[in-house]
């Protein structure tokens, strides 16, 4: 005869647990395996001291820097050559300085030839009404190219030092989102957003105007790029990163800066090659005072403005939160 078991007692039987296991609704070993937390590993102080001593002895035996004759000879030779190189460098610099013309002498070329050439022949040779722009982007264009590269390299250095990498989905390592943008600066400010909506478009237009008219009057790529960069920073402070990065991201900056610097280098390389080899350039200077004049200066101003604007904005972003 079978004995009827109550439902409560049946739940504690082996057959009930076996039935749960077969159905996939339970585990036979559930609540029956004893789990004990492991104790944290602690090493004895004597063992630590002994291990460090053995490591130091091994290092001194393998790398015997004090008694190694090759190392001693290298150190002596290094000191001697360092002193000789410093003496040679100081002698060369003193010799170069001693042969320079006296400062302020009226017969120096810098006082009577260079400035006279810029003023009297600048308009004819560069086509730029603004003598300063003609000097910076024509006579001394390679200097300006170096300055633009310095800005780009400085930005890359800041990116390397301050960048906070995100995960594979592109999220920042600091858990950035549009809602917690307040961590970095207040965002939902109606007054700031209203002012930004009114001022940002004129700021961008004014910056573009300064860049395009740099060869006609005061301005140019550096000042116009600074104005555009300030407009980007104002827009970022008003509306946050989520909206700003819809049109300007790290990839945008890298691509535009690379294209601008490459265009600048190729344009001035062509210009200097044709001038140095007395080859007539096919790029016309245009009519002085017209917007499309001064040869390549207008294009170079645009390239410099792009680099400066992106550099200003990138510096601000990296020092503000590190993610870009």
Protein backbone atom coordinates (compact mmCIF):
# COMPACT_ATOMS: atom_id res chain seq x y z
CA UNK A 1 0.00 0.00 0.00
CA UNK A 2 1.20 3.46 -0.83
CA UNK A 3 1.23 6.03 1.81
CA UNK A 4 -0.10 9.45 0.81
CA UNK A 5 2.45 12.21 1.48
CA UNK A 6 1.45 15.79 2.02
CA UNK A 7 2.48 18.37 -0.54
CA UNK A 8 4.70 20.16 1.95
CA UNK A 9 6.59 16.96 2.80
CA UNK A 10 6.77 16.00 -0.88
CA UNK A 11 8.71 19.16 -1.67
CA UNK A 12 11.53 17.92 0.59
CA UNK A 13 11.86 14.52 -1.06
CA UNK A 14 14.49 13.45 -3.58
CA UNK A 15 11.89 12.60 -6.22
CA UNK A 16 10.51 16.14 -6.15
CA UNK A 17 13.98 17.63 -6.64
CA UNK A 18 14.66 15.12 -9.43
CA UNK A 19 11.44 16.14 -11.13
CA UNK A 20 12.45 19.84 -10.89
CA UNK A 21 15.85 19.04 -12.33
CA UNK A 22 14.31 17.18 -15.28
CA UNK A 23 11.86 20.02 -15.91
CA UNK A 24 14.67 22.57 -15.71
CA UNK A 25 12.99 24.47 -12.90
CA UNK A 26 15.38 23.48 -10.12
CA UNK A 27 18.88 22.32 -9.22
CA UNK A 28 19.71 19.23 -7.19
CA UNK A 29 22.72 20.85 -5.60
CA UNK A 30 20.98 24.09 -4.73
CA UNK A 31 21.39 24.97 -1.04
CA UNK A 32 23.43 21.79 -0.54
CA UNK A 33 26.90 22.97 -1.51
CA UNK A 34 28.75 24.71 1.24
CA UNK A 35 30.39 27.94 0.05
CA UNK A 36 33.03 29.55 2.20
CA UNK A 37 34.58 32.91 1.35
CA UNK A 38 38.31 32.75 0.82
CA UNK A 39 40.56 34.63 3.14
CA UNK A 40 42.57 37.46 1.63
CA UNK A 41 46.12 36.51 0.84
CA UNK A 42 48.58 38.02 3.27
CA UNK A 43 52.30 37.50 3.00
CA UNK A 44 54.56 37.39 5.97
CA UNK A 45 56.87 40.40 6.37
CA UNK A 46 59.92 38.15 6.72
CA UNK A 47 59.05 36.45 3.45
CA UNK A 48 58.67 39.79 1.70
CA UNK A 49 62.02 41.03 3.00
CA UNK A 50 63.71 37.77 2.01
CA UNK A 51 62.26 37.87 -1.50
CA UNK A 52 63.33 41.50 -2.02
CA UNK A 53 66.82 40.69 -0.79
CA UNK A 54 67.11 37.75 -3.19
CA UNK A 55 65.86 39.92 -6.06
CA UNK A 56 68.40 42.64 -5.25
CA UNK A 57 71.24 40.14 -5.03
CA UNK A 58 70.24 38.59 -8.34
CA UNK A 59 70.06 42.02 -10.00
CA UNK A 60 73.47 43.01 -8.63
CA UNK A 61 75.00 39.73 -9.76
CA UNK A 62 73.58 39.89 -13.30
CA UNK A 63 73.92 43.66 -13.73
CA UNK A 64 77.11 44.42 -11.87
CA UNK A 65 77.30 48.09 -12.86
CA UNK A 66 79.92 49.06 -10.30
CA UNK A 67 82.53 46.44 -11.19
CA UNK A 68 81.73 46.03 -14.89
CA UNK A 69 84.70 47.45 -16.90
CA UNK A 70 82.61 48.11 -20.02
CA UNK A 71 80.14 50.22 -18.07
CA UNK A 72 82.93 52.21 -16.41
CA UNK A 73 84.62 52.92 -19.76
CA UNK A 74 81.29 53.98 -21.28
CA UNK A 75 80.53 56.35 -18.41
CA UNK A 76 83.95 58.01 -18.68
CA UNK A 77 83.65 58.34 -22.46
CA UNK A 78 80.13 59.70 -22.09
CA UNK A 79 81.27 62.44 -19.72
CA UNK A 80 84.23 63.39 -21.93
CA UNK A 81 82.16 63.58 -25.13
CA UNK A 82 79.41 65.52 -23.33
CA UNK A 83 81.91 68.17 -22.24
CA UNK A 84 83.48 68.32 -25.73
CA UNK A 85 80.09 68.68 -27.39
CA UNK A 86 79.05 71.48 -25.04
CA UNK A 87 82.33 73.31 -25.69
CA UNK A 88 81.91 72.91 -29.45
CA UNK A 89 78.32 74.16 -29.32
CA UNK A 90 79.23 77.18 -27.18
CA UNK A 91 82.17 78.04 -29.46
CA UNK A 92 80.03 77.79 -32.59
CA UNK A 93 77.30 80.00 -31.12
CA UNK A 94 79.77 82.61 -29.87
CA UNK A 95 81.48 82.70 -33.27
CA UNK A 96 78.15 83.17 -35.05
CA UNK A 97 77.09 85.94 -32.67
CA UNK A 98 80.41 87.75 -32.96
CA UNK A 99 80.07 87.90 -36.76
CA UNK A 100 76.57 89.38 -36.66
CA UNK A 101 76.20 93.04 -37.67
CA UNK A 102 75.93 95.50 -34.84
CA UNK A 103 72.40 96.02 -33.56
CA UNK A 104 70.67 99.17 -34.78
CA UNK A 105 73.25 100.04 -37.44
CA UNK A 106 71.61 101.96 -40.30
CA UNK A 107 73.64 100.05 -42.87
CA UNK A 108 72.21 96.67 -41.84
CA UNK A 109 70.06 95.05 -44.55
CA UNK A 110 67.21 94.60 -42.11
CA UNK A 111 67.03 98.35 -41.58
CA UNK A 112 67.35 99.60 -45.15
CA UNK A 113 66.51 96.81 -47.61
CA UNK A 114 63.95 94.38 -46.21
CA UNK A 115 61.44 96.87 -44.88
CA UNK A 116 61.89 99.07 -47.96
CA UNK A 117 61.20 96.07 -50.19
CA UNK A 118 58.05 95.16 -48.24
CA UNK A 119 56.65 98.68 -48.41
CA UNK A 120 57.58 99.69 -51.95
CA UNK A 121 57.23 96.38 -53.82
CA UNK A 122 54.81 94.45 -51.61
CA UNK A 123 51.65 95.39 -53.47
CA UNK A 124 53.19 94.70 -56.87
CA UNK A 125 54.76 91.35 -55.93
CA UNK A 126 52.04 89.91 -53.67
CA UNK A 127 48.88 91.67 -54.85
CA UNK A 128 47.79 92.14 -51.22
CA UNK A 129 46.63 95.58 -50.09
CA UNK A 130 47.44 94.61 -46.49
CA UNK A 131 51.24 94.74 -46.35
CA UNK A 132 51.36 92.68 -43.15
CA UNK A 133 49.38 89.84 -44.72
CA UNK A 134 51.54 89.94 -47.82
CA UNK A 135 54.64 89.69 -45.67
CA UNK A 136 53.33 86.85 -43.46
CA UNK A 137 51.72 84.72 -46.18
CA UNK A 138 54.05 85.44 -49.09
CA UNK A 139 57.54 86.60 -48.15
CA UNK A 140 57.58 84.65 -44.89
CA UNK A 141 54.99 82.02 -45.69
CA UNK A 142 57.18 79.11 -44.61
CA UNK A 143 57.44 80.66 -41.14
CA UNK A 144 53.66 80.78 -40.96
CA UNK A 145 53.50 77.15 -42.11
CA UNK A 146 55.79 76.23 -39.21
CA UNK A 147 53.59 78.13 -36.77
CA UNK A 148 50.51 76.28 -38.02
CA UNK A 149 52.28 72.97 -37.60
CA UNK A 150 53.30 73.97 -34.07
CA UNK A 151 49.62 74.54 -33.24
CA UNK A 152 48.65 71.17 -34.72
CA UNK A 153 51.43 69.29 -32.90
CA UNK A 154 50.56 71.05 -29.63
CA UNK A 155 46.96 69.94 -30.03
CA UNK A 156 48.04 66.35 -30.70
CA UNK A 157 50.19 66.45 -27.56
CA UNK A 158 47.26 67.69 -25.47
CA UNK A 159 45.09 64.91 -26.94
CA UNK A 160 47.69 62.31 -25.95
CA UNK A 161 48.11 63.64 -22.40
CA UNK A 162 44.52 64.53 -21.47
CA UNK A 163 42.34 62.22 -23.55
CA UNK A 164 40.02 59.84 -21.68
CA UNK A 165 39.33 56.80 -23.85
CA UNK A 166 35.85 55.34 -23.95
CA UNK A 167 34.56 51.83 -24.41
CA UNK A 168 33.86 50.05 -27.71
CA UNK A 169 30.45 51.68 -27.98
CA UNK A 170 32.03 55.14 -27.93
CA UNK A 171 30.97 56.04 -24.40
CA UNK A 172 33.40 58.07 -22.38
CA UNK A 173 35.36 56.52 -19.55
CA UNK A 174 33.77 59.00 -17.13
CA UNK A 175 30.26 57.84 -17.94
CA UNK A 176 29.43 60.98 -19.87
CA UNK A 177 25.90 61.57 -21.09
CA UNK A 178 23.84 64.58 -22.03
CA UNK A 179 22.08 64.53 -18.65
CA UNK A 180 25.23 64.70 -16.50
CA UNK A 181 26.90 67.38 -18.60
CA UNK A 182 26.31 69.56 -15.53
CA UNK A 183 29.38 67.87 -14.03
CA UNK A 184 31.56 69.92 -16.35
CA UNK A 185 29.55 73.15 -16.73
CA UNK A 186 25.89 74.23 -16.35
CA UNK A 187 24.00 73.61 -19.56
CA UNK A 188 20.28 74.26 -19.19
CA UNK A 189 20.62 78.02 -18.89
CA UNK A 190 17.84 79.77 -20.83
CA UNK A 191 19.62 83.14 -20.83
CA UNK A 192 22.89 81.65 -22.09
CA UNK A 193 21.15 79.59 -24.76
CA UNK A 194 19.13 82.57 -25.98
CA UNK A 195 22.20 84.77 -26.17
CA UNK A 196 24.10 81.99 -27.97
CA UNK A 197 21.33 81.60 -30.58
CA UNK A 198 21.59 85.33 -31.28
CA UNK A 199 25.37 85.77 -31.17
CA UNK A 200 26.85 82.54 -32.56
CA UNK A 201 25.76 83.03 -36.23
CA UNK A 202 27.11 86.64 -36.38
CA UNK A 203 30.34 85.47 -34.71
CA UNK A 204 30.83 82.78 -37.36
CA UNK A 205 30.02 85.22 -40.18
CA UNK A 206 32.37 87.84 -38.74
CA UNK A 207 35.18 85.27 -38.40
CA UNK A 208 34.70 84.17 -42.02
CA UNK A 209 34.72 87.83 -43.10
CA UNK A 210 38.03 88.45 -41.28
CA UNK A 211 39.59 85.41 -42.97
CA UNK A 212 38.37 86.24 -46.48
CA UNK A 213 39.31 89.93 -46.25
CA UNK A 214 42.67 89.45 -44.55
CA UNK A 215 44.55 90.47 -47.71
CA UNK A 216 42.45 93.64 -48.06
CA UNK A 217 42.56 95.01 -44.52
CA UNK A 218 43.34 94.12 -40.90
CA UNK A 219 42.67 90.45 -40.19
CA UNK A 220 43.68 87.12 -41.63
CA UNK A 221 43.65 83.44 -40.78
CA UNK A 222 44.92 83.72 -37.21
CA UNK A 223 42.49 86.39 -36.03
CA UNK A 224 39.53 85.01 -38.00
CA UNK A 225 40.19 81.47 -36.78
CA UNK A 226 40.31 82.75 -33.19
CA UNK A 227 36.89 84.38 -33.65
CA UNK A 228 35.36 81.19 -35.08
CA UNK A 229 36.93 79.13 -32.27
CA UNK A 230 35.38 81.48 -29.71
CA UNK A 231 31.99 80.98 -31.39
CA UNK A 232 32.35 77.20 -31.14
CA UNK A 233 33.23 77.45 -27.45
CA UNK A 234 30.20 79.69 -26.78
CA UNK A 235 27.91 77.22 -28.57
CA UNK A 236 29.39 74.35 -26.56
CA UNK A 237 28.85 76.11 -23.24
CA UNK A 238 25.25 76.88 -24.13
CA UNK A 239 24.09 73.58 -25.65
CA UNK A 240 26.55 70.92 -24.46
CA UNK A 241 28.61 68.29 -26.22
CA UNK A 242 25.75 66.21 -27.58
CA UNK A 243 24.57 68.95 -29.94
CA UNK A 244 28.02 70.36 -30.73
CA UNK A 245 29.41 66.99 -31.77
CA UNK A 246 26.70 66.63 -34.39
CA UNK A 247 28.79 68.81 -36.68
CA UNK A 248 32.25 69.08 -35.04
CA UNK A 249 34.03 66.03 -33.60
CA UNK A 250 37.60 64.86 -33.17
CA UNK A 251 37.54 63.26 -36.62
CA UNK A 252 36.32 66.52 -38.12
CA UNK A 253 39.20 68.42 -36.55
CA UNK A 254 41.84 65.90 -37.62
CA UNK A 255 40.63 65.72 -41.20
CA UNK A 256 40.16 69.46 -41.69
CA UNK A 257 43.50 70.29 -40.06
CA UNK A 258 45.36 67.72 -42.14
CA UNK A 259 43.74 68.91 -45.37
CA UNK A 260 44.42 72.57 -44.51
CA UNK A 261 48.09 71.96 -43.64
CA UNK A 262 48.60 69.78 -46.72
CA UNK A 263 46.98 72.39 -48.97
CA UNK A 264 49.14 75.13 -47.41
CA UNK A 265 52.36 73.12 -47.84
CA UNK A 266 51.63 72.17 -51.45
CA UNK A 267 50.57 75.70 -52.43
CA UNK A 268 53.63 77.42 -50.98
CA UNK A 269 55.99 74.72 -52.22
CA UNK A 270 54.75 75.41 -55.73
CA UNK A 271 55.00 79.15 -55.23
CA UNK A 272 58.55 79.07 -53.88
CA UNK A 273 59.68 76.59 -56.51
CA UNK A 274 58.49 78.77 -59.34
CA UNK A 275 59.97 81.90 -57.75
CA UNK A 276 63.33 80.36 -56.85
CA UNK A 277 63.78 78.94 -60.37
CA UNK A 278 62.58 82.08 -62.18
CA UNK A 279 59.60 80.21 -63.59
CA UNK A 280 56.55 82.30 -64.27
CA UNK A 281 53.68 81.29 -62.00
CA UNK A 282 50.35 80.56 -63.67
CA UNK A 283 48.45 81.86 -60.62
CA UNK A 284 47.41 85.47 -61.33
CA UNK A 285 47.65 88.11 -58.60
CA UNK A 286 44.35 89.68 -59.70
CA UNK A 287 43.31 93.26 -59.22
CA UNK A 288 44.50 94.76 -55.91
CA UNK A 289 41.53 95.46 -53.69
CA UNK A 290 39.31 92.72 -55.16
CA UNK A 291 38.23 89.75 -53.06
CA UNK A 292 39.77 87.31 -55.57
CA UNK A 293 43.24 88.78 -55.64
CA UNK A 294 46.74 88.38 -54.14
CA UNK A 295 47.29 84.96 -55.70
CA UNK A 296 47.45 82.18 -53.11
CA UNK A 297 47.16 84.43 -50.03
CA UNK A 298 43.36 84.04 -49.85
CA UNK A 299 43.65 80.23 -49.91
CA UNK A 300 46.41 80.28 -47.30
CA UNK A 301 44.33 82.50 -45.03
CA UNK A 302 41.49 79.99 -45.21
CA UNK A 303 43.87 77.11 -44.36
CA UNK A 304 45.33 78.97 -41.37
CA UNK A 305 41.86 79.96 -40.14
CA UNK A 306 40.68 76.33 -40.20
CA UNK A 307 43.69 75.15 -38.19
CA UNK A 308 43.45 77.95 -35.61
CA UNK A 309 39.69 77.57 -35.08
CA UNK A 310 39.94 73.81 -34.58
CA UNK A 311 42.96 74.15 -32.29
CA UNK A 312 41.24 76.65 -29.99
CA UNK A 313 38.13 74.51 -29.67
CA UNK A 314 40.12 71.29 -29.15
CA UNK A 315 42.27 72.85 -26.42
CA UNK A 316 39.15 73.98 -24.58
CA UNK A 317 37.42 70.60 -24.87
CA UNK A 318 40.43 68.61 -23.68
CA UNK A 319 41.11 70.83 -20.67
CA UNK A 320 37.40 70.85 -19.82
CA UNK A 321 36.62 67.14 -19.64
CA UNK A 322 39.22 65.10 -21.53
CA UNK A 323 36.75 63.27 -23.75
CA UNK A 324 36.21 64.34 -27.33
